């Protein structure tokens, strides 16, 4: 998230801080994950990432029926070999944005980009 901090001054009043919070705008990106082993943790990774950023599209490729802040794309159960092939060869048919960001259950966006506005 981006936090804008502004000092507001009123006549004969003490200055006060007002915080405005915005998510990072990543509408040119599709946020993706593909998982068959750590599904609940991957859903948590989506939730954490989406607290900080807005994406053009959000896709979860899995064999399981899963609900969350993403579109679930049903695929065959992933093995290590199938995972590599899927990421390199198959996933592009589902992407309609110029860029893609893959997250995993143990690798996702956690920080909030911050700057101060005067």
C-alpha atoms as a PDB file:
ATOM      1  CA  UNK A   1       0.000   0.000   0.000  1.00  0.00           C
ATOM      2  CA  UNK A   2       1.047   3.550  -0.515  1.00  0.00           C
ATOM      3  CA  UNK A   3       0.475   5.815   2.439  1.00  0.00           C
ATOM      4  CA  UNK A   4       0.151   9.522   1.832  1.00  0.00           C
ATOM      5  CA  UNK A   5       0.634  11.574   4.952  1.00  0.00           C
ATOM      6  CA  UNK A   6      -0.565  15.167   4.846  1.00  0.00           C
ATOM      7  CA  UNK A   7      -0.268  17.822   7.509  1.00  0.00           C
ATOM      8  CA  UNK A   8      -3.555  19.709   7.772  1.00  0.00           C
ATOM      9  CA  UNK A   9      -3.448  23.179   9.301  1.00  0.00           C
ATOM     10  CA  UNK A  10      -6.520  25.007  10.483  1.00  0.00           C
ATOM     11  CA  UNK A  11      -6.619  28.612  11.630  1.00  0.00           C
ATOM     12  CA  UNK A  12      -5.504  28.762  15.262  1.00  0.00           C
ATOM     13  CA  UNK A  13      -5.436  24.978  15.480  1.00  0.00           C
ATOM     14  CA  UNK A  14      -2.578  22.600  16.014  1.00  0.00           C
ATOM     15  CA  UNK A  15      -1.319  20.744  12.908  1.00  0.00           C
ATOM     16  CA  UNK A  16      -2.617  17.199  12.593  1.00  0.00           C
ATOM     17  CA  UNK A  17      -1.615  14.271  10.421  1.00  0.00           C
ATOM     18  CA  UNK A  18      -4.128  12.741   8.056  1.00  0.00           C
ATOM     19  CA  UNK A  19      -3.227   9.399   6.447  1.00  0.00           C
ATOM     20  CA  UNK A  20      -4.557   8.252   3.087  1.00  0.00           C
ATOM     21  CA  UNK A  21      -3.873   4.671   2.072  1.00  0.00           C
ATOM     22  CA  UNK A  22      -3.850   3.333  -1.488  1.00  0.00           C
ATOM     23  CA  UNK A  23      -2.917  -0.011  -2.940  1.00  0.00           C
ATOM     24  CA  UNK A  24      -0.145  -0.233  -5.524  1.00  0.00           C
ATOM     25  CA  UNK A  25      -1.665  -0.069  -9.018  1.00  0.00           C
ATOM     26  CA  UNK A  26      -0.522  -3.136 -10.969  1.00  0.00           C
ATOM     27  CA  UNK A  27      -3.370  -3.324 -13.485  1.00  0.00           C
ATOM     28  CA  UNK A  28      -0.896  -4.317 -16.225  1.00  0.00           C
ATOM     29  CA  UNK A  29      -0.068  -7.492 -14.281  1.00  0.00           C
ATOM     30  CA  UNK A  30      -1.834 -10.803 -13.844  1.00  0.00           C
ATOM     31  CA  UNK A  31      -1.187 -12.281 -10.401  1.00  0.00           C
ATOM     32  CA  UNK A  32      -0.870 -16.075 -10.627  1.00  0.00           C
ATOM     33  CA  UNK A  33      -0.148 -19.131  -8.568  1.00  0.00           C
ATOM     34  CA  UNK A  34      -0.161 -22.815  -9.494  1.00  0.00           C
ATOM     35  CA  UNK A  35      -0.322 -25.366  -6.697  1.00  0.00           C
ATOM     36  CA  UNK A  36      -1.588 -28.818  -5.801  1.00  0.00           C
ATOM     37  CA  UNK A  37       0.234 -29.399  -2.515  1.00  0.00           C
ATOM     38  CA  UNK A  38      -0.054 -26.275  -0.332  1.00  0.00           C
ATOM     39  CA  UNK A  39      -3.423 -24.920  -1.359  1.00  0.00           C
ATOM     40  CA  UNK A  40      -4.482 -23.260   1.918  1.00  0.00           C
ATOM     41  CA  UNK A  41      -1.098 -21.541   2.245  1.00  0.00           C
ATOM     42  CA  UNK A  42      -1.305 -20.359  -1.361  1.00  0.00           C
ATOM     43  CA  UNK A  43      -4.722 -18.823  -0.651  1.00  0.00           C
ATOM     44  CA  UNK A  44      -3.104 -17.013   2.297  1.00  0.00           C
ATOM     45  CA  UNK A  45      -0.374 -15.745  -0.053  1.00  0.00           C
ATOM     46  CA  UNK A  46      -3.040 -14.360  -2.404  1.00  0.00           C
ATOM     47  CA  UNK A  47      -4.783 -12.615   0.493  1.00  0.00           C
ATOM     48  CA  UNK A  48      -1.530 -11.065   1.750  1.00  0.00           C
ATOM     49  CA  UNK A  49      -0.544  -9.862  -1.720  1.00  0.00           C
ATOM     50  CA  UNK A  50      -3.972  -8.432  -2.516  1.00  0.00           C
ATOM     51  CA  UNK A  51      -3.928  -6.372   0.693  1.00  0.00           C
ATOM     52  CA  UNK A  52      -1.128  -4.322  -0.871  1.00  0.00           C
ATOM     53  CA  UNK A  53      -1.762  -4.330  -4.632  1.00  0.00           C
ATOM     54  CA  UNK A  54      -4.476  -4.162  -7.297  1.00  0.00           C
ATOM     55  CA  UNK A  55      -3.942  -6.434 -10.306  1.00  0.00           C
ATOM     56  CA  UNK A  56      -5.537  -6.593 -13.748  1.00  0.00           C
ATOM     57  CA  UNK A  57      -6.363 -10.257 -13.243  1.00  0.00           C
ATOM     58  CA  UNK A  58      -5.851 -12.835 -10.484  1.00  0.00           C
ATOM     59  CA  UNK A  59      -5.649 -16.563 -11.314  1.00  0.00           C
ATOM     60  CA  UNK A  60      -5.131 -19.673  -9.200  1.00  0.00           C
ATOM     61  CA  UNK A  61      -4.303 -22.803 -11.210  1.00  0.00           C
ATOM     62  CA  UNK A  62      -5.105 -25.932  -9.205  1.00  0.00           C
ATOM     63  CA  UNK A  63      -6.839 -29.291  -9.347  1.00  0.00           C
ATOM     64  CA  UNK A  64      -8.976 -28.503  -6.280  1.00  0.00           C
ATOM     65  CA  UNK A  65     -12.193 -26.534  -5.976  1.00  0.00           C
ATOM     66  CA  UNK A  66     -11.051 -23.411  -4.148  1.00  0.00           C
ATOM     67  CA  UNK A  67     -12.726 -20.082  -3.498  1.00  0.00           C
ATOM     68  CA  UNK A  68     -10.979 -16.834  -2.773  1.00  0.00           C
ATOM     69  CA  UNK A  69     -10.144 -13.404  -4.185  1.00  0.00           C
ATOM     70  CA  UNK A  70      -9.078 -14.987  -7.496  1.00  0.00           C
ATOM     71  CA  UNK A  71     -10.457 -16.915 -10.426  1.00  0.00           C
ATOM     72  CA  UNK A  72      -9.776 -20.634 -10.014  1.00  0.00           C
ATOM     73  CA  UNK A  73      -8.605 -22.348 -13.198  1.00  0.00           C
ATOM     74  CA  UNK A  74      -9.052 -26.112 -12.970  1.00  0.00           C
ATOM     75  CA  UNK A  75      -5.992 -28.080 -14.151  1.00  0.00           C
ATOM     76  CA  UNK A  76      -4.667 -31.602 -13.667  1.00  0.00           C
ATOM     77  CA  UNK A  77      -2.918 -32.265 -10.364  1.00  0.00           C
ATOM     78  CA  UNK A  78       0.618 -30.872 -10.456  1.00  0.00           C
ATOM     79  CA  UNK A  79       3.786 -32.878  -9.923  1.00  0.00           C
ATOM     80  CA  UNK A  80       7.197 -31.176  -9.873  1.00  0.00           C
ATOM     81  CA  UNK A  81       7.769 -32.003 -13.532  1.00  0.00           C
ATOM     82  CA  UNK A  82       4.256 -30.978 -14.548  1.00  0.00           C
ATOM     83  CA  UNK A  83       4.601 -27.737 -12.560  1.00  0.00           C
ATOM     84  CA  UNK A  84       7.713 -26.703 -14.496  1.00  0.00           C
ATOM     85  CA  UNK A  85       6.107 -27.564 -17.832  1.00  0.00           C
ATOM     86  CA  UNK A  86       2.906 -25.715 -16.911  1.00  0.00           C
ATOM     87  CA  UNK A  87       4.747 -22.547 -15.862  1.00  0.00           C
ATOM     88  CA  UNK A  88       6.950 -22.490 -18.970  1.00  0.00           C
ATOM     89  CA  UNK A  89       4.633 -23.748 -21.686  1.00  0.00           C
ATOM     90  CA  UNK A  90       0.950 -23.698 -20.750  1.00  0.00           C
ATOM     91  CA  UNK A  91       0.263 -20.705 -18.531  1.00  0.00           C
ATOM     92  CA  UNK A  92       0.670 -18.121 -21.304  1.00  0.00           C
ATOM     93  CA  UNK A  93      -2.630 -19.179 -22.882  1.00  0.00           C
ATOM     94  CA  UNK A  94      -4.436 -17.794 -19.801  1.00  0.00           C
ATOM     95  CA  UNK A  95      -2.630 -14.432 -19.540  1.00  0.00           C
ATOM     96  CA  UNK A  96      -4.204 -11.359 -21.129  1.00  0.00           C
ATOM     97  CA  UNK A  97      -2.085  -8.620 -19.520  1.00  0.00           C
ATOM     98  CA  UNK A  98       1.384  -7.440 -20.631  1.00  0.00           C
ATOM     99  CA  UNK A  99       3.020  -8.785 -17.444  1.00  0.00           C
ATOM    100  CA  UNK A 100       2.593 -11.640 -15.000  1.00  0.00           C
ATOM    101  CA  UNK A 101       3.658 -12.030 -11.370  1.00  0.00           C
ATOM    102  CA  UNK A 102       3.792 -15.576 -10.003  1.00  0.00           C
ATOM    103  CA  UNK A 103       3.539 -16.078  -6.276  1.00  0.00           C
ATOM    104  CA  UNK A 104       3.897 -19.254  -4.261  1.00  0.00           C
ATOM    105  CA  UNK A 105       2.788 -20.268  -0.792  1.00  0.00           C
ATOM    106  CA  UNK A 106       6.153 -19.164   0.597  1.00  0.00           C
ATOM    107  CA  UNK A 107       6.938 -16.267  -1.768  1.00  0.00           C
ATOM    108  CA  UNK A 108       4.552 -13.341  -2.150  1.00  0.00           C
ATOM    109  CA  UNK A 109       4.226  -9.552  -1.758  1.00  0.00           C
ATOM    110  CA  UNK A 110       4.350  -8.596   1.921  1.00  0.00           C
ATOM    111  CA  UNK A 111       5.639  -5.029   2.031  1.00  0.00           C
ATOM    112  CA  UNK A 112       3.841  -1.812   1.425  1.00  0.00           C
ATOM    113  CA  UNK A 113       5.554   0.737  -0.825  1.00  0.00           C
ATOM    114  CA  UNK A 114       5.450   3.997   1.124  1.00  0.00           C
ATOM    115  CA  UNK A 115       6.216   7.635   0.380  1.00  0.00           C
ATOM    116  CA  UNK A 116       5.371  10.905   2.036  1.00  0.00           C
ATOM    117  CA  UNK A 117       3.519  13.674   0.243  1.00  0.00           C
ATOM    118  CA  UNK A 118       3.945  17.305   1.370  1.00  0.00           C
END
